[in-house]
Amino acid sequence: MVMIRQAGPMDVERVYNLVNSNLDAYFAPDVVNFFLMQWPGGQFIAEDFLGNPVGVICGSRLDGGRASIALFAVDGRHRGTGVGTQLLQHFRRRCLMEGLTRIQLEVRTTNTRAISFYERNGFTRTEHLRGFYDGVGDAYRMVLLINGVNLSPSSSKGVS
């Protein structure tokens, strides 16, 4: 069982450690601070019953009623247990409450587990971004329409 709560300034070091031990890129503490300052309500942390962080989602508000998931990490020992789904549900609810209409993110084309997770949660691939990661790693942009009316699954077939 985990508890999801809004992350705050006191969580920066814990979020930083979780993200950098579970994602394949390095993120400085200033990155986490940026998201906290840019949109305090769009940052959530999942903790186990002892208060240890087991997942985090960091988002930013964009123009046009959009939100972006910039960092999303679940500790490897807790993947497949529903932590990521709970974090995503909290993030989606916050977006809905603030009148945002869509959530977007980028994910490595090679990260099939994450792509499957996002698709199960209603995201569709809308764009193939060549060289998105450091000029060499490709990404898919994926989008979720918050009101439940999403792009048809067949639209993702055109992404290559």
C-alpha atoms as a PDB file:
ATOM      1  CA  MET A   1       0.000   0.000   0.000  1.00  0.00           C
ATOM      2  CA  VAL A   2       1.220   3.485  -0.850  1.00  0.00           C
ATOM      3  CA  MET A   3       0.123   6.992  -0.049  1.00  0.00           C
ATOM      4  CA  ILE A   4       0.133   9.621  -2.798  1.00  0.00           C
ATOM      5  CA  ARG A   5       0.586  13.246  -1.826  1.00  0.00           C
ATOM      6  CA  GLN A   6       1.578  16.508  -3.416  1.00  0.00           C
ATOM      7  CA  ALA A   7       5.350  16.923  -3.384  1.00  0.00           C
ATOM      8  CA  GLY A   8       6.899  20.052  -1.931  1.00  0.00           C
ATOM      9  CA  PRO A   9      10.280  21.717  -1.415  1.00  0.00           C
ATOM     10  CA  MET A  10      11.151  19.322   1.422  1.00  0.00           C
ATOM     11  CA  ASP A  11      10.977  16.452  -1.085  1.00  0.00           C
ATOM     12  CA  VAL A  12      13.535  17.741  -3.611  1.00  0.00           C
ATOM     13  CA  GLU A  13      16.429  15.552  -2.436  1.00  0.00           C
ATOM     14  CA  ARG A  14      14.239  12.440  -2.173  1.00  0.00           C
ATOM     15  CA  VAL A  15      12.698  13.038  -5.616  1.00  0.00           C
ATOM     16  CA  TYR A  16      16.161  13.713  -7.055  1.00  0.00           C
ATOM     17  CA  ASN A  17      17.486  10.413  -5.644  1.00  0.00           C
ATOM     18  CA  LEU A  18      14.474   8.403  -6.830  1.00  0.00           C
ATOM     19  CA  VAL A  19      14.546   9.843 -10.344  1.00  0.00           C
ATOM     20  CA  ASN A  20      18.275   9.405 -10.808  1.00  0.00           C
ATOM     21  CA  SER A  21      18.287   5.828  -9.531  1.00  0.00           C
ATOM     22  CA  ASN A  22      15.373   4.749 -11.758  1.00  0.00           C
ATOM     23  CA  LEU A  23      15.676   6.665 -15.023  1.00  0.00           C
ATOM     24  CA  ASP A  24      18.388   6.334 -17.644  1.00  0.00           C
ATOM     25  CA  ALA A  25      19.412   9.996 -17.621  1.00  0.00           C
ATOM     26  CA  TYR A  26      20.824  12.329 -14.995  1.00  0.00           C
ATOM     27  CA  PHE A  27      18.663  15.154 -13.662  1.00  0.00           C
ATOM     28  CA  ALA A  28      20.104  17.854 -11.393  1.00  0.00           C
ATOM     29  CA  PRO A  29      18.228  18.926  -8.248  1.00  0.00           C
ATOM     30  CA  ASP A  30      17.575  22.259 -10.007  1.00  0.00           C
ATOM     31  CA  VAL A  31      15.341  20.401 -12.489  1.00  0.00           C
ATOM     32  CA  VAL A  32      13.112  19.151  -9.665  1.00  0.00           C
ATOM     33  CA  ASN A  33      13.115  22.635  -8.099  1.00  0.00           C
ATOM     34  CA  PHE A  34      12.083  24.145 -11.441  1.00  0.00           C
ATOM     35  CA  PHE A  35       8.987  21.956 -11.674  1.00  0.00           C
ATOM     36  CA  LEU A  36       8.054  22.699  -8.067  1.00  0.00           C
ATOM     37  CA  MET A  37       8.283  26.448  -8.691  1.00  0.00           C
ATOM     38  CA  GLN A  38       6.635  26.361 -12.117  1.00  0.00           C
ATOM     39  CA  TRP A  39       3.566  24.359 -11.030  1.00  0.00           C
ATOM     40  CA  PRO A  40       3.520  23.367  -7.358  1.00  0.00           C
ATOM     41  CA  GLY A  41       0.228  21.485  -7.777  1.00  0.00           C
ATOM     42  CA  GLY A  42       1.547  19.253 -10.552  1.00  0.00           C
ATOM     43  CA  GLN A  43       4.093  17.312  -8.511  1.00  0.00           C
ATOM     44  CA  PHE A  44       3.184  14.086  -6.697  1.00  0.00           C
ATOM     45  CA  ILE A  45       5.137  11.581  -4.669  1.00  0.00           C
ATOM     46  CA  ALA A  46       4.180   8.033  -3.661  1.00  0.00           C
ATOM     47  CA  GLU A  47       5.446   6.766  -0.322  1.00  0.00           C
ATOM     48  CA  ASP A  48       5.355   3.340   1.277  1.00  0.00           C
ATOM     49  CA  PHE A  49       3.975   2.866   4.808  1.00  0.00           C
ATOM     50  CA  LEU A  50       7.361   3.838   6.268  1.00  0.00           C
ATOM     51  CA  GLY A  51       7.435   7.129   4.330  1.00  0.00           C
ATOM     52  CA  ASN A  52      10.031   5.993   1.798  1.00  0.00           C
ATOM     53  CA  PRO A  53       9.512   7.433  -1.693  1.00  0.00           C
ATOM     54  CA  VAL A  54       8.604   4.734  -4.223  1.00  0.00           C
ATOM     55  CA  GLY A  55       7.351   6.859  -7.120  1.00  0.00           C
ATOM     56  CA  VAL A  56       7.148  10.393  -8.408  1.00  0.00           C
ATOM     57  CA  ILE A  57       5.501  12.333 -11.192  1.00  0.00           C
ATOM     58  CA  CYS A  58       6.610  15.875 -12.078  1.00  0.00           C
ATOM     59  CA  GLY A  59       4.601  17.925 -14.502  1.00  0.00           C
ATOM     60  CA  SER A  60       4.518  21.358 -15.994  1.00  0.00           C
ATOM     61  CA  ARG A  61       1.747  23.538 -17.323  1.00  0.00           C
ATOM     62  CA  LEU A  62       1.973  24.450 -20.986  1.00  0.00           C
ATOM     63  CA  ASP A  63      -0.025  26.892 -23.061  1.00  0.00           C
ATOM     64  CA  GLY A  64      -3.248  25.881 -24.774  1.00  0.00           C
ATOM     65  CA  GLY A  65      -4.704  24.024 -21.791  1.00  0.00           C
ATOM     66  CA  ARG A  66      -1.969  21.382 -21.823  1.00  0.00           C
ATOM     67  CA  ALA A  67       0.135  19.736 -19.158  1.00  0.00           C
ATOM     68  CA  SER A  68       3.336  17.838 -19.716  1.00  0.00           C
ATOM     69  CA  ILE A  69       4.681  14.937 -17.706  1.00  0.00           C
ATOM     70  CA  ALA A  70       8.369  15.734 -17.542  1.00  0.00           C
ATOM     71  CA  LEU A  71       9.602  13.175 -15.014  1.00  0.00           C
ATOM     72  CA  PHE A  72       7.834   9.957 -14.065  1.00  0.00           C
ATOM     73  CA  ALA A  73       9.650   7.276 -12.114  1.00  0.00           C
ATOM     74  CA  VAL A  74       8.646   4.284 -10.026  1.00  0.00           C
ATOM     75  CA  ASP A  75      11.231   2.399  -8.005  1.00  0.00           C
ATOM     76  CA  GLY A  76      12.017  -0.881  -9.748  1.00  0.00           C
ATOM     77  CA  ARG A  77      10.860  -2.950  -6.771  1.00  0.00           C
ATOM     78  CA  HIS A  78       7.409  -1.344  -6.987  1.00  0.00           C
ATOM     79  CA  ARG A  79       6.778  -1.495 -10.726  1.00  0.00           C
ATOM     80  CA  GLY A  80       3.715  -3.474 -11.691  1.00  0.00           C
ATOM     81  CA  THR A  81       2.055  -2.880  -8.301  1.00  0.00           C
ATOM     82  CA  GLY A  82      -0.205   0.021  -9.293  1.00  0.00           C
ATOM     83  CA  VAL A  83       1.994   2.839  -7.998  1.00  0.00           C
ATOM     84  CA  GLY A  84       2.426   4.385 -11.450  1.00  0.00           C
ATOM     85  CA  THR A  85      -1.290   4.144 -12.175  1.00  0.00           C
ATOM     86  CA  GLN A  86      -2.121   5.852  -8.880  1.00  0.00           C
ATOM     87  CA  LEU A  87       0.365   8.649  -9.561  1.00  0.00           C
ATOM     88  CA  LEU A  88      -1.021   9.146 -13.056  1.00  0.00           C
ATOM     89  CA  GLN A  89      -4.597   9.246 -11.708  1.00  0.00           C
ATOM     90  CA  HIS A  90      -3.668  11.947  -9.186  1.00  0.00           C
ATOM     91  CA  PHE A  91      -1.910  13.950 -11.896  1.00  0.00           C
ATOM     92  CA  ARG A  92      -4.841  13.597 -14.284  1.00  0.00           C
ATOM     93  CA  ARG A  93      -7.305  14.650 -11.561  1.00  0.00           C
ATOM     94  CA  ARG A  94      -5.209  17.759 -10.818  1.00  0.00           C
ATOM     95  CA  CYS A  95      -5.167  18.660 -14.506  1.00  0.00           C
ATOM     96  CA  LEU A  96      -8.937  18.231 -14.733  1.00  0.00           C
ATOM     97  CA  MET A  97      -9.491  20.355 -11.620  1.00  0.00           C
ATOM     98  CA  GLU A  98      -7.380  23.135 -13.117  1.00  0.00           C
ATOM     99  CA  GLY A  99      -9.243  23.094 -16.439  1.00  0.00           C
ATOM    100  CA  LEU A 100      -6.477  21.544 -18.511  1.00  0.00           C
ATOM    101  CA  THR A 101      -7.647  19.462 -21.448  1.00  0.00           C
ATOM    102  CA  ARG A 102      -4.695  17.289 -22.439  1.00  0.00           C
ATOM    103  CA  ILE A 103      -1.568  15.692 -21.051  1.00  0.00           C
ATOM    104  CA  GLN A 104       1.465  15.027 -23.184  1.00  0.00           C
ATOM    105  CA  LEU A 105       4.780  13.305 -22.626  1.00  0.00           C
ATOM    106  CA  GLU A 106       7.752  11.943 -24.493  1.00  0.00           C
ATOM    107  CA  VAL A 107       9.018   8.401 -24.095  1.00  0.00           C
ATOM    108  CA  ARG A 108      11.932   6.531 -25.660  1.00  0.00           C
ATOM    109  CA  THR A 109      10.795   4.391 -28.589  1.00  0.00           C
ATOM    110  CA  THR A 110      12.785   1.530 -27.050  1.00  0.00           C
ATOM    111  CA  ASN A 111      10.959   1.741 -23.703  1.00  0.00           C
ATOM    112  CA  THR A 112       8.223  -0.716 -24.618  1.00  0.00           C
ATOM    113  CA  ARG A 113       7.131  -1.286 -21.017  1.00  0.00           C
ATOM    114  CA  ALA A 114       6.443   2.418 -20.500  1.00  0.00           C
ATOM    115  CA  ILE A 115       4.729   2.735 -23.889  1.00  0.00           C
ATOM    116  CA  SER A 116       2.414  -0.163 -23.011  1.00  0.00           C
ATOM    117  CA  PHE A 117       1.673   1.430 -19.619  1.00  0.00           C
ATOM    118  CA  TYR A 118       0.756   4.748 -21.211  1.00  0.00           C
ATOM    119  CA  GLU A 119      -1.398   3.095 -23.881  1.00  0.00           C
ATOM    120  CA  ARG A 120      -3.262   1.080 -21.222  1.00  0.00           C
ATOM    121  CA  ASN A 121      -3.950   4.396 -19.504  1.00  0.00           C
ATOM    122  CA  GLY A 122      -5.415   6.046 -22.593  1.00  0.00           C
ATOM    123  CA  PHE A 123      -2.421   7.769 -24.203  1.00  0.00           C
ATOM    124  CA  THR A 124      -1.910   7.574 -27.950  1.00  0.00           C
ATOM    125  CA  ARG A 125       1.263   8.074 -29.958  1.00  0.00           C
ATOM    126  CA  THR A 126       0.982  11.265 -31.950  1.00  0.00           C
ATOM    127  CA  GLU A 127       4.498  11.955 -33.158  1.00  0.00           C
ATOM    128  CA  HIS A 128       7.837  10.220 -33.727  1.00  0.00           C
ATOM    129  CA  LEU A 129      10.639  12.533 -32.559  1.00  0.00           C
ATOM    130  CA  ARG A 130      13.921  11.481 -34.153  1.00  0.00           C
ATOM    131  CA  GLY A 131      17.035  12.288 -32.109  1.00  0.00           C
ATOM    132  CA  PHE A 132      14.943  13.686 -29.234  1.00  0.00           C
ATOM    133  CA  TYR A 133      17.280  12.321 -26.550  1.00  0.00           C
ATOM    134  CA  ASP A 134      20.739  13.849 -26.874  1.00  0.00           C
ATOM    135  CA  GLY A 135      20.439  13.863 -30.657  1.00  0.00           C
ATOM    136  CA  VAL A 136      20.595  10.074 -30.891  1.00  0.00           C
ATOM    137  CA  GLY A 137      17.650   8.512 -29.047  1.00  0.00           C
ATOM    138  CA  ASP A 138      14.233   8.605 -30.682  1.00  0.00           C
ATOM    139  CA  ALA A 139      11.024   9.316 -28.763  1.00  0.00           C
ATOM    140  CA  TYR A 140       7.303   9.135 -29.231  1.00  0.00           C
ATOM    141  CA  ARG A 141       5.160  12.025 -28.142  1.00  0.00           C
ATOM    142  CA  MET A 142       2.070  10.583 -26.506  1.00  0.00           C
ATOM    143  CA  VAL A 143      -1.117  12.476 -25.679  1.00  0.00           C
ATOM    144  CA  LEU A 144      -4.086  11.884 -23.406  1.00  0.00           C
ATOM    145  CA  LEU A 145      -7.224  13.979 -23.748  1.00  0.00           C
ATOM    146  CA  ILE A 146      -8.349  14.484 -20.170  1.00  0.00           C
ATOM    147  CA  ASN A 147     -12.074  14.637 -20.860  1.00  0.00           C
ATOM    148  CA  GLY A 148     -11.968  10.996 -21.899  1.00  0.00           C
ATOM    149  CA  VAL A 149     -12.409  11.570 -25.631  1.00  0.00           C
ATOM    150  CA  ASN A 150      -9.007  10.642 -26.958  1.00  0.00           C
ATOM    151  CA  LEU A 151      -7.433  10.218 -30.342  1.00  0.00           C
ATOM    152  CA  SER A 152      -8.469   6.944 -31.915  1.00  0.00           C
ATOM    153  CA  PRO A 153      -6.050   4.034 -31.423  1.00  0.00           C
ATOM    154  CA  SER A 154      -5.777   3.761 -35.190  1.00  0.00           C
ATOM    155  CA  SER A 155      -4.155   7.210 -35.281  1.00  0.00           C
ATOM    156  CA  SER A 156      -1.075   5.749 -33.580  1.00  0.00           C
ATOM    157  CA  LYS A 157      -0.538   3.419 -36.516  1.00  0.00           C
ATOM    158  CA  GLY A 158       0.635   6.321 -38.615  1.00  0.00           C
ATOM    159  CA  VAL A 159       3.529   7.061 -36.286  1.00  0.00           C
ATOM    160  CA  SER A 160       6.772   5.565 -37.525  1.00  0.00           C
END
